[in-house]
Amino acid sequence: MDRRTFIWGVTVGLLAAPLAAAAQPAGKVWRIGLFHVGLDHVPPSLDGLREGLKTLGYEEGKNLQLDFRNVADEAAARVVAVDLARGRPDLLVAFEDQTLRAAKAATSEIPVVFMHVRDPVGAGVAESLAHPGRNMTGFIALGNAPSKEAELFKQLVPDLRRLLVLSDPDDPGVPAYRREVREVGAALKVQLVERDVRSQTDVERVFASLSRSAVDGVFIASLNLRVKFHALILRLASERHLPVAGHRKEWVEQGALFSYAESIREVGRAAAARYVDKILRGAKPADLPIEAYERPELVLNLKTAKALGLTIPQSLLQRADQVIE
């Protein structure tokens, strides 16, 4: 996709805010159901979406009603998706892959805007990126690029020899993740210590079994685990003085060594809000191309690096969009 086309679309959408506000039907209250997996956090893109919709003339308590549900896992997401669909909202918003799959199973009629997903075509929710063709459209997550993350990890931790790689075998995206991480691991001469985990107990068991100096870092190779157990993994790794690759800057702010990802708050504000507005005004998801918010940011945590005895290369410090000290 042409970056200039996407940025132009965002700019036009924001400049058109007064017109959009004027176009809202008098007395109409739009109902939107939103859901997300990961009880230890709320996606920052939710607040971004609220801001973007307000700019476009939608205000909660006046002409907008948001029903947000935060759930523990994909099984719960499937139950919530059915419940939300039963209420016949004007639109559903699905955060990340687990809720996307749940929305697909729950409805083929209600419009769905998704964010932070990896492969919507492979997941069967769209015929193609350019022409989704069904009731769903949205935005791909560039922040889930395991090969790039692994390369940066090695640059930040030059002595990285053994990398703990955590995966959820029930996550449909894991085979692709594993393939990418294995390829870059072989190229970088990093030995992967792969472990399958599904639950909090599994994660705790893996860390409890690690002997001293067994691994040099932790990598989460599963979207399921990234949204469900990132805080837990970060805490357990910190207790063992192990660096963790974060998948967005909010986790770097909480202690991960780095992230290379788009600002997901901006995905909600500048991108998803625009698509929600278009659909509520009559556009069909089938006709709105699936896009990528192509503005990845490198965020580094200098405080974490110092605590781990790492010296971040000057070249990366100069490249970084944000350095947390």
C-alpha atoms as a PDB file:
ATOM      1  CA  MET A   1       0.000   0.000   0.000  1.00  0.00           C
ATOM      2  CA  ASP A   2       1.245   3.497  -0.825  1.00  0.00           C
ATOM      3  CA  ARG A   3       2.112   5.341   2.403  1.00  0.00           C
ATOM      4  CA  ARG A   4       1.216   8.672   0.806  1.00  0.00           C
ATOM      5  CA  THR A   5      -2.275   7.439  -0.012  1.00  0.00           C
ATOM      6  CA  PHE A   6      -2.848   6.389   3.593  1.00  0.00           C
ATOM      7  CA  ILE A   7      -1.526   9.589   5.135  1.00  0.00           C
ATOM      8  CA  TRP A   8      -3.577  11.677   2.696  1.00  0.00           C
ATOM      9  CA  GLY A   9      -6.671   9.744   3.755  1.00  0.00           C
ATOM     10  CA  VAL A  10      -6.018  10.405   7.426  1.00  0.00           C
ATOM     11  CA  THR A  11      -5.435  14.111   6.771  1.00  0.00           C
ATOM     12  CA  VAL A  12      -8.608  14.493   4.733  1.00  0.00           C
ATOM     13  CA  GLY A  13     -10.581  12.630   7.389  1.00  0.00           C
ATOM     14  CA  LEU A  14      -9.419  14.986  10.124  1.00  0.00           C
ATOM     15  CA  LEU A  15      -9.915  18.142   8.076  1.00  0.00           C
ATOM     16  CA  ALA A  16     -13.446  17.001   7.295  1.00  0.00           C
ATOM     17  CA  ALA A  17     -14.395  16.841  10.981  1.00  0.00           C
ATOM     18  CA  PRO A  18     -16.749  19.836  10.982  1.00  0.00           C
ATOM     19  CA  LEU A  19     -18.599  18.461   7.966  1.00  0.00           C
ATOM     20  CA  ALA A  20     -18.884  15.044   9.597  1.00  0.00           C
ATOM     21  CA  ALA A  21     -20.236  16.600  12.772  1.00  0.00           C
ATOM     22  CA  ALA A  22     -22.846  18.518  10.809  1.00  0.00           C
ATOM     23  CA  ALA A  23     -23.858  15.344   9.001  1.00  0.00           C
ATOM     24  CA  GLN A  24     -24.943  13.458  12.131  1.00  0.00           C
ATOM     25  CA  PRO A  25     -28.685  12.698  12.004  1.00  0.00           C
ATOM     26  CA  ALA A  26     -30.584  14.712  14.601  1.00  0.00           C
ATOM     27  CA  GLY A  27     -31.531  12.582  17.622  1.00  0.00           C
ATOM     28  CA  LYS A  28     -29.618   9.513  16.425  1.00  0.00           C
ATOM     29  CA  VAL A  29     -27.572   7.695  19.056  1.00  0.00           C
ATOM     30  CA  TRP A  30     -24.995   5.389  17.472  1.00  0.00           C
ATOM     31  CA  ARG A  31     -24.325   2.186  19.412  1.00  0.00           C
ATOM     32  CA  ILE A  32     -20.899   0.562  19.137  1.00  0.00           C
ATOM     33  CA  GLY A  33     -19.769  -2.633  20.837  1.00  0.00           C
ATOM     34  CA  LEU A  34     -16.038  -2.971  21.524  1.00  0.00           C
ATOM     35  CA  PHE A  35     -14.096  -5.873  23.000  1.00  0.00           C
ATOM     36  CA  HIS A  36     -10.511  -6.834  23.814  1.00  0.00           C
ATOM     37  CA  VAL A  37      -8.625  -9.750  25.353  1.00  0.00           C
ATOM     38  CA  GLY A  38      -6.177  -8.958  28.168  1.00  0.00           C
ATOM     39  CA  LEU A  39      -7.383  -8.214  31.673  1.00  0.00           C
ATOM     40  CA  ASP A  40      -4.068  -6.678  32.756  1.00  0.00           C
ATOM     41  CA  HIS A  41      -4.507  -3.646  30.487  1.00  0.00           C
ATOM     42  CA  VAL A  42      -6.876  -1.597  28.352  1.00  0.00           C
ATOM     43  CA  PRO A  43      -5.636  -0.941  24.812  1.00  0.00           C
ATOM     44  CA  PRO A  44      -4.462   2.682  24.446  1.00  0.00           C
ATOM     45  CA  SER A  45      -6.145   2.708  21.050  1.00  0.00           C
ATOM     46  CA  LEU A  46      -9.494   2.765  22.866  1.00  0.00           C
ATOM     47  CA  ASP A  47      -8.849   6.273  24.211  1.00  0.00           C
ATOM     48  CA  GLY A  48      -7.429   7.216  20.823  1.00  0.00           C
ATOM     49  CA  LEU A  49     -10.623   6.041  19.158  1.00  0.00           C
ATOM     50  CA  ARG A  50     -12.703   8.067  21.589  1.00  0.00           C
ATOM     51  CA  GLU A  51     -10.669  11.183  20.807  1.00  0.00           C
ATOM     52  CA  GLY A  52     -10.903  10.636  17.071  1.00  0.00           C
ATOM     53  CA  LEU A  53     -14.646  10.073  17.146  1.00  0.00           C
ATOM     54  CA  LYS A  54     -15.185  13.186  19.237  1.00  0.00           C
ATOM     55  CA  THR A  55     -13.248  15.192  16.658  1.00  0.00           C
ATOM     56  CA  LEU A  56     -15.564  13.769  14.010  1.00  0.00           C
ATOM     57  CA  GLY A  57     -18.703  14.847  15.865  1.00  0.00           C
ATOM     58  CA  TYR A  58     -19.521  11.790  17.993  1.00  0.00           C
ATOM     59  CA  GLU A  59     -19.847  12.442  21.714  1.00  0.00           C
ATOM     60  CA  GLU A  60     -20.579   9.864  24.373  1.00  0.00           C
ATOM     61  CA  GLY A  61     -23.718  10.637  26.310  1.00  0.00           C
ATOM     62  CA  LYS A  62     -25.162  12.587  23.382  1.00  0.00           C
ATOM     63  CA  ASN A  63     -25.063  10.812  20.047  1.00  0.00           C
ATOM     64  CA  LEU A  64     -22.724   7.929  20.886  1.00  0.00           C
ATOM     65  CA  GLN A  65     -22.976   4.901  23.164  1.00  0.00           C
ATOM     66  CA  LEU A  66     -19.881   2.709  23.610  1.00  0.00           C
ATOM     67  CA  ASP A  67     -20.134  -0.743  25.200  1.00  0.00           C
ATOM     68  CA  PHE A  68     -16.555  -1.846  25.929  1.00  0.00           C
ATOM     69  CA  ARG A  69     -15.820  -5.341  27.271  1.00  0.00           C
ATOM     70  CA  ASN A  70     -12.396  -6.524  28.476  1.00  0.00           C
ATOM     71  CA  VAL A  71     -12.169 -10.313  28.722  1.00  0.00           C
ATOM     72  CA  ALA A  72      -9.700 -12.953  29.854  1.00  0.00           C
ATOM     73  CA  ASP A  73      -9.261 -15.119  26.776  1.00  0.00           C
ATOM     74  CA  GLU A  74     -10.585 -16.082  23.366  1.00  0.00           C
ATOM     75  CA  ALA A  75     -13.258 -18.384  24.778  1.00  0.00           C
ATOM     76  CA  ALA A  76     -14.675 -15.461  26.744  1.00  0.00           C
ATOM     77  CA  ALA A  77     -14.368 -13.250  23.663  1.00  0.00           C
ATOM     78  CA  ARG A  78     -16.567 -15.645  21.685  1.00  0.00           C
ATOM     79  CA  VAL A  79     -19.275 -15.455  24.347  1.00  0.00           C
ATOM     80  CA  VAL A  80     -19.059 -11.659  24.452  1.00  0.00           C
ATOM     81  CA  ALA A  81     -19.137 -11.402  20.656  1.00  0.00           C
ATOM     82  CA  VAL A  82     -22.414 -13.308  20.538  1.00  0.00           C
ATOM     83  CA  ASP A  83     -23.837 -11.160  23.328  1.00  0.00           C
ATOM     84  CA  LEU A  84     -22.801  -7.924  21.611  1.00  0.00           C
ATOM     85  CA  ALA A  85     -24.153  -9.090  18.259  1.00  0.00           C
ATOM     86  CA  ARG A  86     -27.460 -10.059  19.846  1.00  0.00           C
ATOM     87  CA  GLY A  87     -27.942  -6.416  20.821  1.00  0.00           C
ATOM     88  CA  ARG A  88     -27.711  -5.402  17.143  1.00  0.00           C
ATOM     89  CA  PRO A  89     -25.262  -2.494  17.528  1.00  0.00           C
ATOM     90  CA  ASP A  90     -24.520  -0.246  14.590  1.00  0.00           C
ATOM     91  CA  LEU A  91     -20.923  -1.465  14.554  1.00  0.00           C
ATOM     92  CA  LEU A  92     -18.427  -3.660  16.396  1.00  0.00           C
ATOM     93  CA  VAL A  93     -14.783  -2.846  17.108  1.00  0.00           C
ATOM     94  CA  ALA A  94     -12.425  -5.804  17.608  1.00  0.00           C
ATOM     95  CA  PHE A  95      -9.013  -5.222  19.193  1.00  0.00           C
ATOM     96  CA  GLU A  96      -6.423  -7.756  18.033  1.00  0.00           C
ATOM     97  CA  ASP A  97      -6.721 -11.247  16.576  1.00  0.00           C
ATOM     98  CA  GLN A  98      -8.582 -13.115  19.278  1.00  0.00           C
ATOM     99  CA  THR A  99     -11.570 -10.791  19.209  1.00  0.00           C
ATOM    100  CA  LEU A 100     -11.388 -10.648  15.415  1.00  0.00           C
ATOM    101  CA  ARG A 101     -11.880 -14.408  15.238  1.00  0.00           C
ATOM    102  CA  ALA A 102     -14.675 -14.175  17.793  1.00  0.00           C
ATOM    103  CA  ALA A 103     -16.433 -11.450  15.791  1.00  0.00           C
ATOM    104  CA  LYS A 104     -16.144 -13.529  12.617  1.00  0.00           C
ATOM    105  CA  ALA A 105     -17.814 -16.455  14.359  1.00  0.00           C
ATOM    106  CA  ALA A 106     -20.573 -14.265  15.828  1.00  0.00           C
ATOM    107  CA  THR A 107     -21.796 -12.253  12.834  1.00  0.00           C
ATOM    108  CA  SER A 108     -21.531 -11.926   9.086  1.00  0.00           C
ATOM    109  CA  GLU A 109     -23.863  -8.918   8.963  1.00  0.00           C
ATOM    110  CA  ILE A 110     -22.902  -6.318  11.580  1.00  0.00           C
ATOM    111  CA  PRO A 111     -20.036  -4.091  10.338  1.00  0.00           C
ATOM    112  CA  VAL A 112     -16.740  -4.710  12.137  1.00  0.00           C
ATOM    113  CA  VAL A 113     -13.677  -2.474  12.331  1.00  0.00           C
ATOM    114  CA  PHE A 114     -10.595  -4.260  13.666  1.00  0.00           C
ATOM    115  CA  MET A 115      -7.230  -3.014  14.898  1.00  0.00           C
ATOM    116  CA  HIS A 116      -3.792  -4.525  15.605  1.00  0.00           C
ATOM    117  CA  VAL A 117      -4.302  -7.804  13.723  1.00  0.00           C
ATOM    118  CA  ARG A 118      -1.615  -9.728  11.892  1.00  0.00           C
ATOM    119  CA  ASP A 119      -3.159 -11.470   8.867  1.00  0.00           C
ATOM    120  CA  PRO A 120      -6.872 -10.791   8.245  1.00  0.00           C
ATOM    121  CA  VAL A 121      -6.806 -12.511   4.863  1.00  0.00           C
ATOM    122  CA  GLY A 122      -5.206 -15.613   6.334  1.00  0.00           C
ATOM    123  CA  ALA A 123      -7.754 -15.520   9.153  1.00  0.00           C
ATOM    124  CA  GLY A 124     -10.543 -15.703   6.563  1.00  0.00           C
ATOM    125  CA  VAL A 125     -12.192 -12.408   7.448  1.00  0.00           C
ATOM    126  CA  ALA A 126     -11.274 -10.679   4.183  1.00  0.00           C
ATOM    127  CA  GLU A 127     -10.899 -11.726   0.570  1.00  0.00           C
ATOM    128  CA  SER A 128      -7.940  -9.379   0.074  1.00  0.00           C
ATOM    129  CA  LEU A 129      -6.399  -6.289   1.675  1.00  0.00           C
ATOM    130  CA  ALA A 130      -7.529  -4.039  -1.170  1.00  0.00           C
ATOM    131  CA  HIS A 131     -11.050  -5.483  -1.360  1.00  0.00           C
ATOM    132  CA  PRO A 132     -12.130  -7.087   1.945  1.00  0.00           C
ATOM    133  CA  GLY A 133     -15.438  -8.127   0.399  1.00  0.00           C
ATOM    134  CA  ARG A 134     -17.213  -8.961   3.646  1.00  0.00           C
ATOM    135  CA  ASN A 135     -18.448  -7.215   6.789  1.00  0.00           C
ATOM    136  CA  MET A 136     -15.020  -6.517   8.244  1.00  0.00           C
ATOM    137  CA  THR A 137     -12.192  -4.082   7.583  1.00  0.00           C
ATOM    138  CA  GLY A 138      -9.536  -2.333   9.618  1.00  0.00           C
ATOM    139  CA  PHE A 139      -5.847  -2.057  10.324  1.00  0.00           C
ATOM    140  CA  ILE A 140      -2.901  -4.431  10.371  1.00  0.00           C
ATOM    141  CA  ALA A 141      -0.458  -4.370  13.291  1.00  0.00           C
ATOM    142  CA  LEU A 142       3.043  -3.524  12.122  1.00  0.00           C
ATOM    143  CA  GLY A 143       4.086  -3.830  15.762  1.00  0.00           C
ATOM    144  CA  ASN A 144       4.017  -7.604  15.482  1.00  0.00           C
ATOM    145  CA  ALA A 145       7.092  -8.070  13.287  1.00  0.00           C
ATOM    146  CA  PRO A 146       9.063 -10.845  15.004  1.00  0.00           C
ATOM    147  CA  SER A 147      12.024 -10.917  12.623  1.00  0.00           C
ATOM    148  CA  LYS A 148      12.673  -7.176  13.030  1.00  0.00           C
ATOM    149  CA  GLU A 149      12.190  -7.407  16.795  1.00  0.00           C
ATOM    150  CA  ALA A 150      14.675 -10.287  17.043  1.00  0.00           C
ATOM    151  CA  GLU A 151      17.249  -8.370  14.990  1.00  0.00           C
ATOM    152  CA  LEU A 152      16.932  -5.349  17.280  1.00  0.00           C
ATOM    153  CA  PHE A 153      17.172  -7.586  20.329  1.00  0.00           C
ATOM    154  CA  LYS A 154      20.547  -8.884  19.160  1.00  0.00           C
ATOM    155  CA  GLN A 155      21.792  -5.357  18.487  1.00  0.00           C
ATOM    156  CA  LEU A 156      20.755  -4.230  21.958  1.00  0.00           C
ATOM    157  CA  VAL A 157      22.099  -7.358  23.669  1.00  0.00           C
ATOM    158  CA  PRO A 158      25.295  -8.254  21.757  1.00  0.00           C
ATOM    159  CA  ASP A 159      25.992 -11.211  24.092  1.00  0.00           C
ATOM    160  CA  LEU A 160      22.572 -12.729  23.353  1.00  0.00           C
ATOM    161  CA  ARG A 161      23.269 -16.438  22.831  1.00  0.00           C
ATOM    162  CA  ARG A 162      20.206 -18.229  24.173  1.00  0.00           C
ATOM    163  CA  LEU A 163      16.744 -16.693  23.797  1.00  0.00           C
ATOM    164  CA  LEU A 164      13.683 -17.954  25.628  1.00  0.00           C
ATOM    165  CA  VAL A 165      10.846 -17.987  23.087  1.00  0.00           C
ATOM    166  CA  LEU A 166       7.338 -18.348  24.520  1.00  0.00           C
ATOM    167  CA  SER A 167       4.452 -19.462  22.301  1.00  0.00           C
ATOM    168  CA  ASP A 168       0.842 -20.478  22.736  1.00  0.00           C
ATOM    169  CA  PRO A 169       0.334 -23.571  20.549  1.00  0.00           C
ATOM    170  CA  ASP A 170      -3.383 -22.790  20.315  1.00  0.00           C
ATOM    171  CA  ASP A 171      -2.667 -19.435  18.667  1.00  0.00           C
ATOM    172  CA  PRO A 172      -3.238 -19.765  14.884  1.00  0.00           C
ATOM    173  CA  GLY A 173      -0.530 -17.191  14.231  1.00  0.00           C
ATOM    174  CA  VAL A 174       2.221 -19.105  16.043  1.00  0.00           C
ATOM    175  CA  PRO A 175       3.509 -21.179  13.075  1.00  0.00           C
ATOM    176  CA  ALA A 176       4.313 -17.992  11.148  1.00  0.00           C
ATOM    177  CA  TYR A 177       5.875 -16.394  14.231  1.00  0.00           C
ATOM    178  CA  ARG A 178       8.034 -19.425  14.916  1.00  0.00           C
ATOM    179  CA  ARG A 179       9.179 -19.611  11.313  1.00  0.00           C
ATOM    180  CA  GLU A 180      10.296 -15.967  11.303  1.00  0.00           C
ATOM    181  CA  VAL A 181      12.035 -16.156  14.672  1.00  0.00           C
ATOM    182  CA  ARG A 182      13.805 -19.402  13.766  1.00  0.00           C
ATOM    183  CA  GLU A 183      15.074 -17.940  10.510  1.00  0.00           C
ATOM    184  CA  VAL A 184      16.465 -14.791  12.095  1.00  0.00           C
ATOM    185  CA  GLY A 185      17.771 -16.773  15.088  1.00  0.00           C
ATOM    186  CA  ALA A 186      19.777 -19.003  12.759  1.00  0.00           C
ATOM    187  CA  ALA A 187      21.104 -15.984  10.862  1.00  0.00           C
ATOM    188  CA  LEU A 188      22.163 -14.275  14.102  1.00  0.00           C
ATOM    189  CA  LYS A 189      23.541 -17.488  15.616  1.00  0.00           C
ATOM    190  CA  VAL A 190      21.148 -17.291  18.555  1.00  0.00           C
ATOM    191  CA  GLN A 191      19.960 -20.549  20.097  1.00  0.00           C
ATOM    192  CA  LEU A 192      16.210 -20.569  20.706  1.00  0.00           C
ATOM    193  CA  VAL A 193      14.874 -22.155  23.874  1.00  0.00           C
ATOM    194  CA  GLU A 194      11.268 -22.696  22.777  1.00  0.00           C
ATOM    195  CA  ARG A 195       8.527 -23.320  25.312  1.00  0.00           C
ATOM    196  CA  ASP A 196       4.782 -23.757  24.809  1.00  0.00           C
ATOM    197  CA  VAL A 197       2.548 -22.046  27.368  1.00  0.00           C
ATOM    198  CA  ARG A 198      -1.200 -21.573  27.491  1.00  0.00           C
ATOM    199  CA  SER A 199      -1.959 -20.288  30.978  1.00  0.00           C
ATOM    200  CA  GLN A 200      -0.546 -18.209  33.797  1.00  0.00           C
ATOM    201  CA  THR A 201       0.462 -21.436  35.535  1.00  0.00           C
ATOM    202  CA  ASP A 202       2.378 -22.540  32.440  1.00  0.00           C
ATOM    203  CA  VAL A 203       4.246 -19.230  32.269  1.00  0.00           C
ATOM    204  CA  GLU A 204       5.152 -19.361  35.955  1.00  0.00           C
ATOM    205  CA  ARG A 205       6.300 -22.982  35.587  1.00  0.00           C
ATOM    206  CA  VAL A 206       8.655 -22.134  32.724  1.00  0.00           C
ATOM    207  CA  PHE A 207      10.317 -19.305  34.612  1.00  0.00           C
ATOM    208  CA  ALA A 208      10.565 -21.368  37.796  1.00  0.00           C
ATOM    209  CA  SER A 209      12.374 -24.096  35.850  1.00  0.00           C
ATOM    210  CA  LEU A 210      15.043 -21.762  34.460  1.00  0.00           C
ATOM    211  CA  SER A 211      18.463 -22.386  35.912  1.00  0.00           C
ATOM    212  CA  ARG A 212      20.833 -19.501  36.523  1.00  0.00           C
ATOM    213  CA  SER A 213      22.100 -18.049  33.229  1.00  0.00           C
ATOM    214  CA  ALA A 214      19.973 -20.522  31.267  1.00  0.00           C
ATOM    215  CA  VAL A 215      18.879 -17.813  28.824  1.00  0.00           C
ATOM    216  CA  ASP A 216      19.910 -14.270  27.977  1.00  0.00           C
ATOM    217  CA  GLY A 217      16.534 -12.771  27.066  1.00  0.00           C
ATOM    218  CA  VAL A 218      12.813 -13.370  26.614  1.00  0.00           C
ATOM    219  CA  PHE A 219      10.810 -13.141  23.410  1.00  0.00           C
ATOM    220  CA  ILE A 220       7.018 -13.536  23.180  1.00  0.00           C
ATOM    221  CA  ALA A 221       6.223 -15.227  19.850  1.00  0.00           C
ATOM    222  CA  SER A 222       2.445 -15.286  20.102  1.00  0.00           C
ATOM    223  CA  LEU A 223      -0.184 -12.578  19.873  1.00  0.00           C
ATOM    224  CA  ASN A 224      -2.292 -14.495  22.388  1.00  0.00           C
ATOM    225  CA  LEU A 225       0.465 -14.293  24.983  1.00  0.00           C
ATOM    226  CA  ARG A 226       1.323 -10.703  24.133  1.00  0.00           C
ATOM    227  CA  VAL A 227      -2.163  -9.508  24.944  1.00  0.00           C
ATOM    228  CA  LYS A 228      -2.871 -11.865  27.865  1.00  0.00           C
ATOM    229  CA  PHE A 229       0.355 -12.256  29.836  1.00  0.00           C
ATOM    230  CA  HIS A 230       2.772  -9.487  28.884  1.00  0.00           C
ATOM    231  CA  ALA A 231       2.694  -7.920  32.355  1.00  0.00           C
ATOM    232  CA  LEU A 232       3.231 -11.311  34.025  1.00  0.00           C
ATOM    233  CA  ILE A 233       6.120 -12.222  31.708  1.00  0.00           C
ATOM    234  CA  LEU A 234       7.694  -8.818  32.211  1.00  0.00           C
ATOM    235  CA  ARG A 235       7.537  -9.184  35.999  1.00  0.00           C
ATOM    236  CA  LEU A 236       8.964 -12.718  36.035  1.00  0.00           C
ATOM    237  CA  ALA A 237      11.744 -11.780  33.616  1.00  0.00           C
ATOM    238  CA  SER A 238      12.627  -8.698  35.667  1.00  0.00           C
ATOM    239  CA  GLU A 239      12.961 -10.826  38.795  1.00  0.00           C
ATOM    240  CA  ARG A 240      15.580 -12.875  36.927  1.00  0.00           C
ATOM    241  CA  HIS A 241      17.280  -9.817  35.377  1.00  0.00           C
ATOM    242  CA  LEU A 242      16.351 -10.846  31.850  1.00  0.00           C
ATOM    243  CA  PRO A 243      15.631  -8.338  29.062  1.00  0.00           C
ATOM    244  CA  VAL A 244      12.239  -8.593  27.341  1.00  0.00           C
ATOM    245  CA  ALA A 245      11.251  -7.428  23.887  1.00  0.00           C
ATOM    246  CA  GLY A 246       8.044  -5.404  24.199  1.00  0.00           C
ATOM    247  CA  HIS A 247       5.538  -5.204  21.367  1.00  0.00           C
ATOM    248  CA  ARG A 248       4.515  -1.587  21.970  1.00  0.00           C
ATOM    249  CA  LYS A 249       5.850   1.418  23.836  1.00  0.00           C
ATOM    250  CA  GLU A 250       3.453   1.084  26.782  1.00  0.00           C
ATOM    251  CA  TRP A 251       5.289  -2.095  27.827  1.00  0.00           C
ATOM    252  CA  VAL A 252       8.658  -0.364  27.436  1.00  0.00           C
ATOM    253  CA  GLU A 253       7.363   2.283  29.825  1.00  0.00           C
ATOM    254  CA  GLN A 254       6.727  -0.574  32.269  1.00  0.00           C
ATOM    255  CA  GLY A 255      10.185  -2.080  31.952  1.00  0.00           C
ATOM    256  CA  ALA A 256      10.610  -3.917  28.650  1.00  0.00           C
ATOM    257  CA  LEU A 257      13.944  -3.167  26.989  1.00  0.00           C
ATOM    258  CA  PHE A 258      12.524  -1.909  23.698  1.00  0.00           C
ATOM    259  CA  SER A 259       9.670  -1.983  21.207  1.00  0.00           C
ATOM    260  CA  TYR A 260       9.414  -1.393  17.479  1.00  0.00           C
ATOM    261  CA  ALA A 261       5.810  -0.648  16.644  1.00  0.00           C
ATOM    262  CA  GLU A 262       3.293   1.918  15.566  1.00  0.00           C
ATOM    263  CA  SER A 263       1.634   4.120  18.176  1.00  0.00           C
ATOM    264  CA  ILE A 264      -1.532   2.154  18.745  1.00  0.00           C
ATOM    265  CA  ARG A 265      -3.195   5.173  20.337  1.00  0.00           C
ATOM    266  CA  GLU A 266      -2.773   6.930  17.000  1.00  0.00           C
ATOM    267  CA  VAL A 267      -4.181   3.913  15.157  1.00  0.00           C
ATOM    268  CA  GLY A 268      -7.375   4.425  17.135  1.00  0.00           C
ATOM    269  CA  ARG A 269      -7.448   8.202  16.812  1.00  0.00           C
ATOM    270  CA  ALA A 270      -6.328   8.888  13.257  1.00  0.00           C
ATOM    271  CA  ALA A 271      -7.210   5.640  11.517  1.00  0.00           C
ATOM    272  CA  ALA A 272      -9.948   3.549  13.134  1.00  0.00           C
ATOM    273  CA  ALA A 273     -12.109   6.575  14.013  1.00  0.00           C
ATOM    274  CA  ARG A 274     -12.083   7.558  10.359  1.00  0.00           C
ATOM    275  CA  TYR A 275     -13.309   4.120   9.256  1.00  0.00           C
ATOM    276  CA  VAL A 276     -15.962   3.994  11.968  1.00  0.00           C
ATOM    277  CA  ASP A 277     -17.246   7.377  10.801  1.00  0.00           C
ATOM    278  CA  LYS A 278     -17.343   6.279   7.166  1.00  0.00           C
ATOM    279  CA  ILE A 279     -19.288   3.133   7.974  1.00  0.00           C
ATOM    280  CA  LEU A 280     -21.796   4.911  10.205  1.00  0.00           C
ATOM    281  CA  ARG A 281     -22.391   7.341   7.349  1.00  0.00           C
ATOM    282  CA  GLY A 282     -23.135   4.516   4.915  1.00  0.00           C
ATOM    283  CA  ALA A 283     -19.891   3.046   3.617  1.00  0.00           C
ATOM    284  CA  LYS A 284     -19.614  -0.757   3.521  1.00  0.00           C
ATOM    285  CA  PRO A 285     -16.635  -2.517   5.143  1.00  0.00           C
ATOM    286  CA  ALA A 286     -16.373  -4.665   2.020  1.00  0.00           C
ATOM    287  CA  ASP A 287     -15.371  -1.566   0.047  1.00  0.00           C
ATOM    288  CA  LEU A 288     -12.872  -0.079   2.520  1.00  0.00           C
ATOM    289  CA  PRO A 289      -9.326  -1.414   2.021  1.00  0.00           C
ATOM    290  CA  ILE A 290      -7.499  -2.925   4.962  1.00  0.00           C
ATOM    291  CA  GLU A 291      -4.593  -0.623   5.775  1.00  0.00           C
ATOM    292  CA  ALA A 292      -1.390  -0.551   7.754  1.00  0.00           C
ATOM    293  CA  TYR A 293      -0.587   2.450   9.906  1.00  0.00           C
ATOM    294  CA  GLU A 294       2.933   2.764   8.546  1.00  0.00           C
ATOM    295  CA  ARG A 295       4.678   4.773  11.250  1.00  0.00           C
ATOM    296  CA  PRO A 296       6.723   2.327  13.349  1.00  0.00           C
ATOM    297  CA  GLU A 297       8.544   3.849  16.311  1.00  0.00           C
ATOM    298  CA  LEU A 298      11.632   2.544  18.074  1.00  0.00           C
ATOM    299  CA  VAL A 299      11.286   3.052  21.828  1.00  0.00           C
ATOM    300  CA  LEU A 300      14.171   2.222  24.181  1.00  0.00           C
ATOM    301  CA  ASN A 301      14.263   1.971  27.964  1.00  0.00           C
ATOM    302  CA  LEU A 302      17.647   3.298  29.072  1.00  0.00           C
ATOM    303  CA  LYS A 303      16.838   2.717  32.731  1.00  0.00           C
ATOM    304  CA  THR A 304      16.184  -0.981  32.087  1.00  0.00           C
ATOM    305  CA  ALA A 305      19.359  -1.252  30.007  1.00  0.00           C
ATOM    306  CA  LYS A 306      21.467   0.242  32.811  1.00  0.00           C
ATOM    307  CA  ALA A 307      19.876  -2.061  35.394  1.00  0.00           C
ATOM    308  CA  LEU A 308      20.816  -5.030  33.197  1.00  0.00           C
ATOM    309  CA  GLY A 309      24.349  -3.764  32.625  1.00  0.00           C
ATOM    310  CA  LEU A 310      23.732  -3.088  28.941  1.00  0.00           C
ATOM    311  CA  THR A 311      25.121  -0.211  26.920  1.00  0.00           C
ATOM    312  CA  ILE A 312      22.774   0.782  24.137  1.00  0.00           C
ATOM    313  CA  PRO A 313      24.714   1.499  20.935  1.00  0.00           C
ATOM    314  CA  GLN A 314      24.837   5.171  20.032  1.00  0.00           C
ATOM    315  CA  SER A 315      23.513   4.331  16.569  1.00  0.00           C
ATOM    316  CA  LEU A 316      20.298   2.973  18.092  1.00  0.00           C
ATOM    317  CA  LEU A 317      19.965   5.883  20.507  1.00  0.00           C
ATOM    318  CA  GLN A 318      20.136   8.239  17.544  1.00  0.00           C
ATOM    319  CA  ARG A 319      17.535   6.189  15.655  1.00  0.00           C
ATOM    320  CA  ALA A 320      15.136   5.955  18.587  1.00  0.00           C
ATOM    321  CA  ASP A 321      11.867   7.877  18.485  1.00  0.00           C
ATOM    322  CA  GLN A 322      11.710   7.846  22.285  1.00  0.00           C
ATOM    323  CA  VAL A 323      14.229   7.019  25.010  1.00  0.00           C
ATOM    324  CA  ILE A 324      12.859   6.337  28.483  1.00  0.00           C
ATOM    325  CA  GLU A 325      15.310   7.283  31.252  1.00  0.00           C
END
